[in-house]
Amino acid sequence: MPYDQKLDDRIKATIADWGTIRKKMFGGTCHLLNGNMLCGVYKDYLILRLGEERGTAALDKPHTKPFDITGRPMKGWIMVEQAGLTDKVLKEWLLSAKAFVETLPSK
């Protein structure tokens, strides 16, 4: 299944001034900040890197699930269904991922 280009376009518009780089990954897209994976699109899901603590806490929120495409969930990552992604909520998720990724050393 191809990834949702419209969701990726929404992400690109929201993070346009963050200095990210977009790459194809996971059969979808991934946006990198300072060389670290930040977020992306897998099929029709938003994927986010939040770190283990924030990622675990985020799974209590509606429309979320672990980022698991191989049978082994990626620690610190979640998937968000589009049903929960108003523009405001999308921006909040992306800012949360940015806050975590900015704590990582640049690559």
C-alpha atoms as a PDB file:
ATOM      1  CA  MET A   1       0.000   0.000   0.000  1.00  0.00           C
ATOM      2  CA  PRO A   2       1.439   3.399  -0.933  1.00  0.00           C
ATOM      3  CA  TYR A   3       1.741   6.147   1.654  1.00  0.00           C
ATOM      4  CA  ASP A   4      -0.732   9.023   1.969  1.00  0.00           C
ATOM      5  CA  GLN A   5       0.760  11.909  -0.011  1.00  0.00           C
ATOM      6  CA  LYS A   6      -1.839  14.372   1.319  1.00  0.00           C
ATOM      7  CA  LEU A   7      -0.801  13.669   4.903  1.00  0.00           C
ATOM      8  CA  ASP A   8       2.849  14.124   3.937  1.00  0.00           C
ATOM      9  CA  ASP A   9       1.965  17.442   2.293  1.00  0.00           C
ATOM     10  CA  ARG A  10       0.248  18.558   5.518  1.00  0.00           C
ATOM     11  CA  ILE A  11       3.355  17.643   7.505  1.00  0.00           C
ATOM     12  CA  LYS A  12       5.636  19.478   5.053  1.00  0.00           C
ATOM     13  CA  ALA A  13       3.472  22.616   5.305  1.00  0.00           C
ATOM     14  CA  THR A  14       3.497  22.500   9.110  1.00  0.00           C
ATOM     15  CA  ILE A  15       7.262  22.014   9.486  1.00  0.00           C
ATOM     16  CA  ALA A  16       8.355  24.052   6.452  1.00  0.00           C
ATOM     17  CA  ASP A  17      10.551  26.425   8.469  1.00  0.00           C
ATOM     18  CA  TRP A  18      12.128  23.812  10.779  1.00  0.00           C
ATOM     19  CA  GLY A  19      15.062  22.976   8.499  1.00  0.00           C
ATOM     20  CA  THR A  20      14.078  19.331   8.030  1.00  0.00           C
ATOM     21  CA  ILE A  21      15.104  16.971   5.265  1.00  0.00           C
ATOM     22  CA  ARG A  22      12.567  14.576   3.718  1.00  0.00           C
ATOM     23  CA  LYS A  23      13.589  11.032   2.766  1.00  0.00           C
ATOM     24  CA  LYS A  24      11.768   7.956   1.543  1.00  0.00           C
ATOM     25  CA  MET A  25      11.749   5.277   4.269  1.00  0.00           C
ATOM     26  CA  PHE A  26       9.541   2.448   5.526  1.00  0.00           C
ATOM     27  CA  GLY A  27       7.730   2.445   2.174  1.00  0.00           C
ATOM     28  CA  GLY A  28       6.640   5.999   3.008  1.00  0.00           C
ATOM     29  CA  THR A  29       8.403   9.174   4.012  1.00  0.00           C
ATOM     30  CA  CYS A  30      10.422  10.365   6.946  1.00  0.00           C
ATOM     31  CA  HIS A  31      11.422  13.886   7.936  1.00  0.00           C
ATOM     32  CA  LEU A  32      14.780  14.361   9.639  1.00  0.00           C
ATOM     33  CA  LEU A  33      15.806  17.200  11.934  1.00  0.00           C
ATOM     34  CA  ASN A  34      19.551  17.685  12.478  1.00  0.00           C
ATOM     35  CA  GLY A  35      20.031  14.238  10.923  1.00  0.00           C
ATOM     36  CA  ASN A  36      17.650  12.505  13.363  1.00  0.00           C
ATOM     37  CA  MET A  37      14.327  10.985  12.358  1.00  0.00           C
ATOM     38  CA  LEU A  38      11.457  13.191  13.548  1.00  0.00           C
ATOM     39  CA  CYS A  39       8.233  12.079  11.893  1.00  0.00           C
ATOM     40  CA  GLY A  40       6.802  10.694   8.710  1.00  0.00           C
ATOM     41  CA  VAL A  41       4.044   8.833   6.969  1.00  0.00           C
ATOM     42  CA  TYR A  42       3.602   5.074   6.857  1.00  0.00           C
ATOM     43  CA  LYS A  43       0.640   4.000   4.730  1.00  0.00           C
ATOM     44  CA  ASP A  44      -2.081   6.323   6.053  1.00  0.00           C
ATOM     45  CA  TYR A  45      -0.580   6.864   9.520  1.00  0.00           C
ATOM     46  CA  LEU A  46       1.431   9.716  10.951  1.00  0.00           C
ATOM     47  CA  ILE A  47       4.528   8.290  12.610  1.00  0.00           C
ATOM     48  CA  LEU A  48       6.243  10.239  15.378  1.00  0.00           C
ATOM     49  CA  ARG A  49       9.445   9.921  17.361  1.00  0.00           C
ATOM     50  CA  LEU A  50       8.653  10.966  20.908  1.00  0.00           C
ATOM     51  CA  GLY A  51      11.190   9.069  22.997  1.00  0.00           C
ATOM     52  CA  GLU A  52      10.337   6.143  25.240  1.00  0.00           C
ATOM     53  CA  GLU A  53       8.683   8.062  28.080  1.00  0.00           C
ATOM     54  CA  ARG A  54       6.561  10.397  25.925  1.00  0.00           C
ATOM     55  CA  GLY A  55       5.853   7.616  23.437  1.00  0.00           C
ATOM     56  CA  THR A  56       4.488   5.306  26.120  1.00  0.00           C
ATOM     57  CA  ALA A  57       2.365   8.102  27.615  1.00  0.00           C
ATOM     58  CA  ALA A  58       1.051   9.047  24.160  1.00  0.00           C
ATOM     59  CA  LEU A  59      -0.421   5.575  23.677  1.00  0.00           C
ATOM     60  CA  ASP A  60      -3.136   6.541  26.170  1.00  0.00           C
ATOM     61  CA  LYS A  61      -4.408   9.176  23.731  1.00  0.00           C
ATOM     62  CA  PRO A  62      -7.084   8.448  21.124  1.00  0.00           C
ATOM     63  CA  HIS A  63      -6.115   7.254  17.636  1.00  0.00           C
ATOM     64  CA  THR A  64      -2.614   6.089  18.645  1.00  0.00           C
ATOM     65  CA  LYS A  65      -0.811   2.773  18.569  1.00  0.00           C
ATOM     66  CA  PRO A  66       2.788   1.546  18.719  1.00  0.00           C
ATOM     67  CA  PHE A  67       4.838   1.934  15.548  1.00  0.00           C
ATOM     68  CA  ASP A  68       5.118  -1.719  14.632  1.00  0.00           C
ATOM     69  CA  ILE A  69       5.579  -2.741  11.012  1.00  0.00           C
ATOM     70  CA  THR A  70       7.792  -5.789  11.575  1.00  0.00           C
ATOM     71  CA  GLY A  71       6.326  -7.510  14.638  1.00  0.00           C
ATOM     72  CA  ARG A  72       8.748  -5.634  16.902  1.00  0.00           C
ATOM     73  CA  PRO A  73       7.532  -2.161  17.944  1.00  0.00           C
ATOM     74  CA  MET A  74      10.047   0.658  17.610  1.00  0.00           C
ATOM     75  CA  LYS A  75      10.678   2.063  21.077  1.00  0.00           C
ATOM     76  CA  GLY A  76       9.857   5.716  21.425  1.00  0.00           C
ATOM     77  CA  TRP A  77       7.779   5.823  18.246  1.00  0.00           C
ATOM     78  CA  ILE A  78       3.992   5.882  17.783  1.00  0.00           C
ATOM     79  CA  MET A  79       1.510   5.835  14.925  1.00  0.00           C
ATOM     80  CA  VAL A  80      -1.477   8.186  14.818  1.00  0.00           C
ATOM     81  CA  GLU A  81      -4.587   7.447  12.757  1.00  0.00           C
ATOM     82  CA  GLN A  82      -5.749  10.252  10.501  1.00  0.00           C
ATOM     83  CA  ALA A  83      -9.152  10.320  12.195  1.00  0.00           C
ATOM     84  CA  GLY A  84      -7.457  12.173  15.034  1.00  0.00           C
ATOM     85  CA  LEU A  85      -5.444  14.647  12.974  1.00  0.00           C
ATOM     86  CA  THR A  86      -7.078  18.032  12.754  1.00  0.00           C
ATOM     87  CA  ASP A  87      -4.571  20.705  11.725  1.00  0.00           C
ATOM     88  CA  LYS A  88      -4.263  21.832  15.356  1.00  0.00           C
ATOM     89  CA  VAL A  89      -3.685  18.297  16.665  1.00  0.00           C
ATOM     90  CA  LEU A  90      -1.217  17.518  13.864  1.00  0.00           C
ATOM     91  CA  LYS A  91       0.826  20.586  14.800  1.00  0.00           C
ATOM     92  CA  GLU A  92       0.747  19.628  18.503  1.00  0.00           C
ATOM     93  CA  TRP A  93       2.010  16.117  17.707  1.00  0.00           C
ATOM     94  CA  LEU A  94       4.763  17.482  15.479  1.00  0.00           C
ATOM     95  CA  LEU A  95       5.859  20.007  18.109  1.00  0.00           C
ATOM     96  CA  SER A  96       6.036  17.209  20.668  1.00  0.00           C
ATOM     97  CA  ALA A  97       8.252  15.154  18.359  1.00  0.00           C
ATOM     98  CA  LYS A  98      10.411  18.211  17.667  1.00  0.00           C
ATOM     99  CA  ALA A  99      10.859  18.854  21.392  1.00  0.00           C
ATOM    100  CA  PHE A 100      12.224  15.321  21.813  1.00  0.00           C
ATOM    101  CA  VAL A 101      14.405  15.229  18.702  1.00  0.00           C
ATOM    102  CA  GLU A 102      16.004  18.573  19.583  1.00  0.00           C
ATOM    103  CA  THR A 103      17.430  16.887  22.709  1.00  0.00           C
ATOM    104  CA  LEU A 104      19.401  14.445  20.542  1.00  0.00           C
ATOM    105  CA  PRO A 105      22.908  15.143  19.256  1.00  0.00           C
ATOM    106  CA  SER A 106      23.096  16.145  15.602  1.00  0.00           C
ATOM    107  CA  LYS A 107      24.216  13.523  13.126  1.00  0.00           C
END
